[in-house]
């Protein structure tokens, strides 16, 4: 689960939606989630034009792109054939 939180104002805490990504992978089960996130990077430039947050997850050989403003995973999956690991079906 990807979440943002505000330590001072609880009403600003948000969870990112993984549904578009899971649908693309053919995994629309309600309780299915990506494995634990072990790294991420974010860029603020042109964040309205495309996803601007990239995450990597434990045991996965792909990186997933998110739209921070809309708090949702995009359908973009970054991968290379030489990256080792277990992929969700894609």
PDB file of N, CA and C in Angstrom:
ATOM      1  N   UNK A   1       0.832  -1.171   0.000  1.00  0.00           N
ATOM      2  CA  UNK A   1       0.000   0.000   0.000  1.00  0.00           C
ATOM      3  C   UNK A   1       0.883   1.242   0.000  1.00  0.00           C
ATOM      4  N   UNK A   2       0.588   2.160  -0.875  1.00  0.00           N
ATOM      5  CA  UNK A   2       1.273   3.453  -0.898  1.00  0.00           C
ATOM      6  C   UNK A   2       0.377   4.453  -0.177  1.00  0.00           C
ATOM      7  N   UNK A   3       0.966   5.167   0.773  1.00  0.00           N
ATOM      8  CA  UNK A   3       0.211   6.155   1.541  1.00  0.00           C
ATOM      9  C   UNK A   3       1.034   7.416   1.705  1.00  0.00           C
ATOM     10  N   UNK A   4       0.354   8.555   1.765  1.00  0.00           N
ATOM     11  CA  UNK A   4       0.980   9.798   2.196  1.00  0.00           C
ATOM     12  C   UNK A   4       0.314  10.166   3.508  1.00  0.00           C
ATOM     13  N   UNK A   5       1.068  10.812   4.351  1.00  0.00           N
ATOM     14  CA  UNK A   5       0.478  11.201   5.624  1.00  0.00           C
ATOM     15  C   UNK A   5       1.024  12.540   6.084  1.00  0.00           C
ATOM     16  N   UNK A   6       0.216  13.199   6.879  1.00  0.00           N
ATOM     17  CA  UNK A   6       0.577  14.473   7.474  1.00  0.00           C
ATOM     18  C   UNK A   6       0.595  14.258   8.980  1.00  0.00           C
ATOM     19  N   UNK A   7       1.718  14.522   9.618  1.00  0.00           N
ATOM     20  CA  UNK A   7       1.829  14.256  11.048  1.00  0.00           C
ATOM     21  C   UNK A   7       1.011  15.220  11.897  1.00  0.00           C
ATOM     22  N   UNK A   8       0.605  16.349  11.341  1.00  0.00           N
ATOM     23  CA  UNK A   8      -0.154  17.334  12.104  1.00  0.00           C
ATOM     24  C   UNK A   8      -1.654  17.299  11.813  1.00  0.00           C
ATOM     25  N   UNK A   9      -2.030  16.934  10.575  1.00  0.00           N
ATOM     26  CA  UNK A   9      -3.445  16.983  10.181  1.00  0.00           C
ATOM     27  C   UNK A   9      -3.859  15.629   9.604  1.00  0.00           C
ATOM     28  N   UNK A  10      -4.535  14.814  10.407  1.00  0.00           N
ATOM     29  CA  UNK A  10      -4.918  13.464   9.987  1.00  0.00           C
ATOM     30  C   UNK A  10      -5.819  13.446   8.758  1.00  0.00           C
ATOM     31  N   UNK A  11      -6.613  14.477   8.544  1.00  0.00           N
ATOM     32  CA  UNK A  11      -7.532  14.469   7.415  1.00  0.00           C
ATOM     33  C   UNK A  11      -6.808  14.551   6.070  1.00  0.00           C
ATOM     34  N   UNK A  12      -5.517  14.851   6.074  1.00  0.00           N
ATOM     35  CA  UNK A  12      -4.747  14.905   4.829  1.00  0.00           C
ATOM     36  C   UNK A  12      -4.066  13.571   4.508  1.00  0.00           C
ATOM     37  N   UNK A  13      -4.223  12.555   5.335  1.00  0.00           N
ATOM     38  CA  UNK A  13      -3.671  11.233   5.050  1.00  0.00           C
ATOM     39  C   UNK A  13      -4.432  10.607   3.889  1.00  0.00           C
ATOM     40  N   UNK A  14      -3.694  10.030   2.950  1.00  0.00           N
ATOM     41  CA  UNK A  14      -4.325   9.444   1.763  1.00  0.00           C
ATOM     42  C   UNK A  14      -3.637   8.130   1.380  1.00  0.00           C
ATOM     43  N   UNK A  15      -4.419   7.211   0.816  1.00  0.00           N
ATOM     44  CA  UNK A  15      -3.880   5.975   0.262  1.00  0.00           C
ATOM     45  C   UNK A  15      -3.968   6.061  -1.254  1.00  0.00           C
ATOM     46  N   UNK A  16      -2.932   5.607  -1.943  1.00  0.00           N
ATOM     47  CA  UNK A  16      -2.914   5.606  -3.399  1.00  0.00           C
ATOM     48  C   UNK A  16      -3.673   4.379  -3.905  1.00  0.00           C
ATOM     49  N   UNK A  17      -4.408   4.550  -4.988  1.00  0.00           N
ATOM     50  CA  UNK A  17      -5.164   3.457  -5.587  1.00  0.00           C
ATOM     51  C   UNK A  17      -4.269   2.632  -6.510  1.00  0.00           C
ATOM     52  N   UNK A  18      -4.314   1.314  -6.355  1.00  0.00           N
ATOM     53  CA  UNK A  18      -3.568   0.405  -7.218  1.00  0.00           C
ATOM     54  C   UNK A  18      -4.458  -0.219  -8.291  1.00  0.00           C
ATOM     55  N   UNK A  19      -5.739   0.092  -8.272  1.00  0.00           N
ATOM     56  CA  UNK A  19      -6.705  -0.575  -9.142  1.00  0.00           C
ATOM     57  C   UNK A  19      -6.374  -0.504 -10.631  1.00  0.00           C
ATOM     58  N   UNK A  20      -6.014   0.656 -11.213  1.00  0.00           N
ATOM     59  CA  UNK A  20      -5.705   0.671 -12.646  1.00  0.00           C
ATOM     60  C   UNK A  20      -4.544  -0.266 -13.012  1.00  0.00           C
ATOM     61  N   UNK A  21      -3.541  -0.312 -12.160  1.00  0.00           N
ATOM     62  CA  UNK A  21      -2.393  -1.181 -12.398  1.00  0.00           C
ATOM     63  C   UNK A  21      -2.784  -2.648 -12.287  1.00  0.00           C
ATOM     64  N   UNK A  22      -3.541  -2.995 -11.258  1.00  0.00           N
ATOM     65  CA  UNK A  22      -3.966  -4.379 -11.078  1.00  0.00           C
ATOM     66  C   UNK A  22      -4.875  -4.836 -12.213  1.00  0.00           C
ATOM     67  N   UNK A  23      -5.737  -3.946 -12.703  1.00  0.00           N
ATOM     68  CA  UNK A  23      -6.592  -4.296 -13.842  1.00  0.00           C
ATOM     69  C   UNK A  23      -5.760  -4.574 -15.078  1.00  0.00           C
ATOM     70  N   UNK A  24      -4.720  -3.749 -15.315  1.00  0.00           N
ATOM     71  CA  UNK A  24      -3.856  -3.966 -16.473  1.00  0.00           C
ATOM     72  C   UNK A  24      -3.173  -5.324 -16.382  1.00  0.00           C
ATOM     73  N   UNK A  25      -2.798  -5.724 -15.167  1.00  0.00           N
ATOM     74  CA  UNK A  25      -2.116  -7.000 -14.959  1.00  0.00           C
ATOM     75  C   UNK A  25      -3.094  -8.175 -14.897  1.00  0.00           C
ATOM     76  N   UNK A  26      -4.391  -7.899 -14.997  1.00  0.00           N
ATOM     77  CA  UNK A  26      -5.395  -8.952 -14.927  1.00  0.00           C
ATOM     78  C   UNK A  26      -5.589  -9.479 -13.521  1.00  0.00           C
ATOM     79  N   UNK A  27      -5.312  -8.649 -12.522  1.00  0.00           N
ATOM     80  CA  UNK A  27      -5.397  -9.062 -11.125  1.00  0.00           C
ATOM     81  C   UNK A  27      -6.380  -8.166 -10.388  1.00  0.00           C
ATOM     82  N   UNK A  28      -7.647  -8.326 -10.632  1.00  0.00           N
ATOM     83  CA  UNK A  28      -8.642  -7.410 -10.072  1.00  0.00           C
ATOM     84  C   UNK A  28      -9.214  -7.883  -8.737  1.00  0.00           C
ATOM     85  N   UNK A  29      -8.548  -8.840  -8.070  1.00  0.00           N
ATOM     86  CA  UNK A  29      -9.033  -9.285  -6.769  1.00  0.00           C
ATOM     87  C   UNK A  29      -8.972  -8.133  -5.776  1.00  0.00           C
ATOM     88  N   UNK A  30      -9.984  -7.984  -4.988  1.00  0.00           N
ATOM     89  CA  UNK A  30     -10.126  -6.839  -4.094  1.00  0.00           C
ATOM     90  C   UNK A  30      -8.994  -6.712  -3.080  1.00  0.00           C
ATOM     91  N   UNK A  31      -8.525  -7.785  -2.512  1.00  0.00           N
ATOM     92  CA  UNK A  31      -7.521  -7.720  -1.449  1.00  0.00           C
ATOM     93  C   UNK A  31      -6.093  -7.860  -1.962  1.00  0.00           C
ATOM     94  N   UNK A  32      -5.897  -7.941  -3.250  1.00  0.00           N
ATOM     95  CA  UNK A  32      -4.565  -8.100  -3.802  1.00  0.00           C
ATOM     96  C   UNK A  32      -3.832  -6.767  -3.769  1.00  0.00           C
ATOM     97  N   UNK A  33      -2.586  -6.775  -3.341  1.00  0.00           N
ATOM     98  CA  UNK A  33      -1.764  -5.569  -3.259  1.00  0.00           C
ATOM     99  C   UNK A  33      -0.374  -5.876  -3.798  1.00  0.00           C
ATOM    100  N   UNK A  34       0.331  -4.826  -4.182  1.00  0.00           N
ATOM    101  CA  UNK A  34       1.738  -4.975  -4.536  1.00  0.00           C
ATOM    102  C   UNK A  34       2.519  -5.335  -3.278  1.00  0.00           C
ATOM    103  N   UNK A  35       3.666  -6.024  -3.433  1.00  0.00           N
ATOM    104  CA  UNK A  35       4.507  -6.305  -2.263  1.00  0.00           C
ATOM    105  C   UNK A  35       5.023  -5.003  -1.643  1.00  0.00           C
ATOM    106  N   UNK A  36       5.695  -5.110  -0.515  1.00  0.00           N
ATOM    107  CA  UNK A  36       6.241  -3.944   0.183  1.00  0.00           C
ATOM    108  C   UNK A  36       7.105  -3.099  -0.744  1.00  0.00           C
ATOM    109  N   UNK A  37       6.943  -1.792  -0.642  1.00  0.00           N
ATOM    110  CA  UNK A  37       7.748  -0.849  -1.408  1.00  0.00           C
ATOM    111  C   UNK A  37       9.119  -0.744  -0.740  1.00  0.00           C
ATOM    112  N   UNK A  38      10.193  -0.914  -1.531  1.00  0.00           N
ATOM    113  CA  UNK A  38      11.545  -0.827  -0.979  1.00  0.00           C
ATOM    114  C   UNK A  38      12.308   0.387  -1.496  1.00  0.00           C
ATOM    115  N   UNK A  39      11.728   1.125  -2.420  1.00  0.00           N
ATOM    116  CA  UNK A  39      12.371   2.333  -2.921  1.00  0.00           C
ATOM    117  C   UNK A  39      11.421   3.124  -3.798  1.00  0.00           C
ATOM    118  N   UNK A  40      11.669   4.435  -3.866  1.00  0.00           N
ATOM    119  CA  UNK A  40      10.841   5.281  -4.716  1.00  0.00           C
ATOM    120  C   UNK A  40      11.615   6.535  -5.092  1.00  0.00           C
ATOM    121  N   UNK A  41      11.138   7.205  -6.119  1.00  0.00           N
ATOM    122  CA  UNK A  41      11.672   8.498  -6.515  1.00  0.00           C
ATOM    123  C   UNK A  41      10.518   9.316  -7.072  1.00  0.00           C
ATOM    124  N   UNK A  42      10.621  10.635  -6.928  1.00  0.00           N
ATOM    125  CA  UNK A  42       9.556  11.520  -7.371  1.00  0.00           C
ATOM    126  C   UNK A  42      10.177  12.739  -8.042  1.00  0.00           C
ATOM    127  N   UNK A  43       9.488  13.267  -9.037  1.00  0.00           N
ATOM    128  CA  UNK A  43       9.929  14.487  -9.718  1.00  0.00           C
ATOM    129  C   UNK A  43       8.727  15.424  -9.804  1.00  0.00           C
ATOM    130  N   UNK A  44       8.969  16.704  -9.555  1.00  0.00           N
ATOM    131  CA  UNK A  44       7.874  17.670  -9.567  1.00  0.00           C
ATOM    132  C   UNK A  44       7.640  18.295 -10.934  1.00  0.00           C
ATOM    133  N   UNK A  45       8.602  18.238 -11.818  1.00  0.00           N
ATOM    134  CA  UNK A  45       8.444  18.908 -13.112  1.00  0.00           C
ATOM    135  C   UNK A  45       7.385  18.215 -13.971  1.00  0.00           C
ATOM    136  N   UNK A  46       6.500  19.003 -14.520  1.00  0.00           N
ATOM    137  CA  UNK A  46       5.430  18.564 -15.424  1.00  0.00           C
ATOM    138  C   UNK A  46       4.580  17.431 -14.840  1.00  0.00           C
ATOM    139  N   UNK A  47       4.342  17.502 -13.536  1.00  0.00           N
ATOM    140  CA  UNK A  47       3.608  16.422 -12.886  1.00  0.00           C
ATOM    141  C   UNK A  47       2.161  16.314 -13.361  1.00  0.00           C
ATOM    142  N   UNK A  48       1.647  17.343 -13.999  1.00  0.00           N
ATOM    143  CA  UNK A  48       0.280  17.270 -14.542  1.00  0.00           C
ATOM    144  C   UNK A  48       0.223  16.506 -15.851  1.00  0.00           C
ATOM    145  N   UNK A  49       1.367  16.323 -16.515  1.00  0.00           N
ATOM    146  CA  UNK A  49       1.395  15.700 -17.833  1.00  0.00           C
ATOM    147  C   UNK A  49       1.520  14.175 -17.796  1.00  0.00           C
ATOM    148  N   UNK A  50       2.132  13.642 -16.743  1.00  0.00           N
ATOM    149  CA  UNK A  50       2.351  12.191 -16.671  1.00  0.00           C
ATOM    150  C   UNK A  50       2.648  11.801 -15.234  1.00  0.00           C
ATOM    151  N   UNK A  51       2.748  10.498 -15.007  1.00  0.00           N
ATOM    152  CA  UNK A  51       3.080  10.011 -13.678  1.00  0.00           C
ATOM    153  C   UNK A  51       4.438  10.547 -13.240  1.00  0.00           C
ATOM    154  N   UNK A  52       4.552  10.887 -11.983  1.00  0.00           N
ATOM    155  CA  UNK A  52       5.789  11.489 -11.512  1.00  0.00           C
ATOM    156  C   UNK A  52       6.373  10.806 -10.279  1.00  0.00           C
ATOM    157  N   UNK A  53       5.866   9.651  -9.936  1.00  0.00           N
ATOM    158  CA  UNK A  53       6.375   8.873  -8.817  1.00  0.00           C
ATOM    159  C   UNK A  53       6.639   7.459  -9.304  1.00  0.00           C
ATOM    160  N   UNK A  54       7.833   6.935  -9.034  1.00  0.00           N
ATOM    161  CA  UNK A  54       8.202   5.589  -9.451  1.00  0.00           C
ATOM    162  C   UNK A  54       8.544   4.785  -8.209  1.00  0.00           C
ATOM    163  N   UNK A  55       8.014   3.558  -8.118  1.00  0.00           N
ATOM    164  CA  UNK A  55       8.298   2.707  -6.967  1.00  0.00           C
ATOM    165  C   UNK A  55       8.873   1.367  -7.419  1.00  0.00           C
ATOM    166  N   UNK A  56       9.690   0.790  -6.535  1.00  0.00           N
ATOM    167  CA  UNK A  56      10.139  -0.590  -6.722  1.00  0.00           C
ATOM    168  C   UNK A  56       9.683  -1.366  -5.489  1.00  0.00           C
ATOM    169  N   UNK A  57       9.378  -2.639  -5.712  1.00  0.00           N
ATOM    170  CA  UNK A  57       8.766  -3.444  -4.661  1.00  0.00           C
ATOM    171  C   UNK A  57       9.544  -4.730  -4.443  1.00  0.00           C
ATOM    172  N   UNK A  58       9.543  -5.187  -3.204  1.00  0.00           N
ATOM    173  CA  UNK A  58      10.275  -6.390  -2.809  1.00  0.00           C
ATOM    174  C   UNK A  58       9.954  -7.565  -3.725  1.00  0.00           C
ATOM    175  N   UNK A  59      11.000  -8.176  -4.301  1.00  0.00           N
ATOM    176  CA  UNK A  59      10.842  -9.362  -5.132  1.00  0.00           C
ATOM    177  C   UNK A  59      10.358  -9.105  -6.547  1.00  0.00           C
ATOM    178  N   UNK A  60      10.144  -7.859  -6.931  1.00  0.00           N
ATOM    179  CA  UNK A  60       9.630  -7.538  -8.262  1.00  0.00           C
ATOM    180  C   UNK A  60      10.755  -7.058  -9.169  1.00  0.00           C
ATOM    181  N   UNK A  61      10.685  -7.417 -10.421  1.00  0.00           N
ATOM    182  CA  UNK A  61      11.689  -6.967 -11.385  1.00  0.00           C
ATOM    183  C   UNK A  61      11.131  -5.869 -12.282  1.00  0.00           C
ATOM    184  N   UNK A  62      10.157  -5.150 -11.794  1.00  0.00           N
ATOM    185  CA  UNK A  62       9.560  -4.042 -12.543  1.00  0.00           C
ATOM    186  C   UNK A  62       9.422  -2.845 -11.612  1.00  0.00           C
ATOM    187  N   UNK A  63       9.359  -1.670 -12.203  1.00  0.00           N
ATOM    188  CA  UNK A  63       9.109  -0.441 -11.458  1.00  0.00           C
ATOM    189  C   UNK A  63       7.739   0.076 -11.891  1.00  0.00           C
ATOM    190  N   UNK A  64       7.003   0.611 -10.967  1.00  0.00           N
ATOM    191  CA  UNK A  64       5.639   1.040 -11.227  1.00  0.00           C
ATOM    192  C   UNK A  64       5.541   2.551 -11.127  1.00  0.00           C
ATOM    193  N   UNK A  65       4.784   3.152 -12.041  1.00  0.00           N
ATOM    194  CA  UNK A  65       4.654   4.607 -12.128  1.00  0.00           C
ATOM    195  C   UNK A  65       3.302   5.020 -11.557  1.00  0.00           C
ATOM    196  N   UNK A  66       3.326   6.084 -10.757  1.00  0.00           N
ATOM    197  CA  UNK A  66       2.141   6.587 -10.070  1.00  0.00           C
ATOM    198  C   UNK A  66       1.946   8.055 -10.403  1.00  0.00           C
ATOM    199  N   UNK A  67       0.705   8.515 -10.319  1.00  0.00           N
ATOM    200  CA  UNK A  67       0.390   9.933 -10.452  1.00  0.00           C
ATOM    201  C   UNK A  67       0.153  10.462  -9.042  1.00  0.00           C
ATOM    202  N   UNK A  68       1.098  11.266  -8.548  1.00  0.00           N
ATOM    203  CA  UNK A  68       1.009  11.748  -7.169  1.00  0.00           C
ATOM    204  C   UNK A  68      -0.206  12.650  -6.955  1.00  0.00           C
ATOM    205  N   UNK A  69      -0.454  13.538  -7.888  1.00  0.00           N
ATOM    206  CA  UNK A  69      -1.571  14.483  -7.723  1.00  0.00           C
ATOM    207  C   UNK A  69      -2.905  13.760  -7.575  1.00  0.00           C
ATOM    208  N   UNK A  70      -3.130  12.734  -8.399  1.00  0.00           N
ATOM    209  CA  UNK A  70      -4.391  11.992  -8.355  1.00  0.00           C
ATOM    210  C   UNK A  70      -4.347  10.794  -7.410  1.00  0.00           C
ATOM    211  N   UNK A  71      -3.171  10.521  -6.838  1.00  0.00           N
ATOM    212  CA  UNK A  71      -2.962   9.421  -5.897  1.00  0.00           C
ATOM    213  C   UNK A  71      -3.420   8.086  -6.469  1.00  0.00           C
ATOM    214  N   UNK A  72      -2.906   7.788  -7.671  1.00  0.00           N
ATOM    215  CA  UNK A  72      -3.312   6.558  -8.342  1.00  0.00           C
ATOM    216  C   UNK A  72      -2.141   5.989  -9.146  1.00  0.00           C
ATOM    217  N   UNK A  73      -2.084   4.671  -9.223  1.00  0.00           N
ATOM    218  CA  UNK A  73      -1.089   4.015 -10.071  1.00  0.00           C
ATOM    219  C   UNK A  73      -1.496   4.211 -11.525  1.00  0.00           C
ATOM    220  N   UNK A  74      -0.520   4.460 -12.390  1.00  0.00           N
ATOM    221  CA  UNK A  74      -0.817   4.528 -13.815  1.00  0.00           C
ATOM    222  C   UNK A  74      -0.696   3.114 -14.388  1.00  0.00           C
ATOM    223  N   UNK A  75      -0.971   2.955 -15.648  1.00  0.00           N
ATOM    224  CA  UNK A  75      -0.825   1.650 -16.280  1.00  0.00           C
ATOM    225  C   UNK A  75       0.590   1.417 -16.793  1.00  0.00           C
ATOM    226  N   UNK A  76       1.496   2.353 -16.549  1.00  0.00           N
ATOM    227  CA  UNK A  76       2.870   2.246 -17.020  1.00  0.00           C
ATOM    228  C   UNK A  76       3.692   1.358 -16.092  1.00  0.00           C
ATOM    229  N   UNK A  77       4.346   0.365 -16.677  1.00  0.00           N
ATOM    230  CA  UNK A  77       5.233  -0.531 -15.944  1.00  0.00           C
ATOM    231  C   UNK A  77       6.587  -0.484 -16.622  1.00  0.00           C
ATOM    232  N   UNK A  78       7.618  -0.182 -15.848  1.00  0.00           N
ATOM    233  CA  UNK A  78       8.972  -0.108 -16.389  1.00  0.00           C
ATOM    234  C   UNK A  78       9.699  -1.411 -16.090  1.00  0.00           C
ATOM    235  N   UNK A  79      10.305  -2.012 -17.120  1.00  0.00           N
ATOM    236  CA  UNK A  79      11.048  -3.252 -16.894  1.00  0.00           C
ATOM    237  C   UNK A  79      12.111  -3.424 -17.972  1.00  0.00           C
ATOM    238  N   UNK A  80      13.094  -4.210 -17.636  1.00  0.00           N
ATOM    239  CA  UNK A  80      14.160  -4.571 -18.554  1.00  0.00           C
ATOM    240  C   UNK A  80      14.289  -6.084 -18.533  1.00  0.00           C
ATOM    241  N   UNK A  81      14.641  -6.688 -19.650  1.00  0.00           N
ATOM    242  CA  UNK A  81      14.726  -8.144 -19.719  1.00  0.00           C
ATOM    243  C   UNK A  81      15.812  -8.705 -18.790  1.00  0.00           C
ATOM    244  N   UNK A  82      16.841  -7.934 -18.505  1.00  0.00           N
ATOM    245  CA  UNK A  82      17.922  -8.439 -17.655  1.00  0.00           C
ATOM    246  C   UNK A  82      17.684  -8.209 -16.158  1.00  0.00           C
ATOM    247  N   UNK A  83      16.593  -7.535 -15.776  1.00  0.00           N
ATOM    248  CA  UNK A  83      16.280  -7.350 -14.358  1.00  0.00           C
ATOM    249  C   UNK A  83      15.796  -8.676 -13.795  1.00  0.00           C
ATOM    250  N   UNK A  84      16.363  -9.103 -12.698  1.00  0.00           N
ATOM    251  CA  UNK A  84      16.012 -10.379 -12.069  1.00  0.00           C
ATOM    252  C   UNK A  84      14.916 -10.164 -11.036  1.00  0.00           C
ATOM    253  N   UNK A  85      14.031 -11.161 -10.924  1.00  0.00           N
ATOM    254  CA  UNK A  85      12.988 -11.084  -9.895  1.00  0.00           C
ATOM    255  C   UNK A  85      11.688 -11.653 -10.383  1.00  0.00           C
ATOM    256  N   UNK A  86      10.726 -11.659  -9.525  1.00  0.00           N
ATOM    257  CA  UNK A  86       9.410 -12.179  -9.819  1.00  0.00           C
ATOM    258  C   UNK A  86       8.521 -11.034 -10.296  1.00  0.00           C
ATOM    259  N   UNK A  87       7.865 -11.196 -11.414  1.00  0.00           N
ATOM    260  CA  UNK A  87       6.943 -10.168 -11.909  1.00  0.00           C
ATOM    261  C   UNK A  87       5.517 -10.571 -11.616  1.00  0.00           C
ATOM    262  N   UNK A  88       4.706  -9.580 -11.341  1.00  0.00           N
ATOM    263  CA  UNK A  88       3.270  -9.821 -11.403  1.00  0.00           C
ATOM    264  C   UNK A  88       2.986 -10.038 -12.882  1.00  0.00           C
ATOM    265  N   UNK A  89       1.956 -10.718 -13.243  1.00  0.00           N
ATOM    266  CA  UNK A  89       1.691 -11.068 -14.632  1.00  0.00           C
ATOM    267  C   UNK A  89       1.663  -9.839 -15.525  1.00  0.00           C
ATOM    268  N   UNK A  90       2.688  -9.671 -16.384  1.00  0.00           N
ATOM    269  CA  UNK A  90       2.650  -8.639 -17.412  1.00  0.00           C
ATOM    270  C   UNK A  90       3.632  -8.981 -18.504  1.00  0.00           C
TER     271      UNK A  90
END
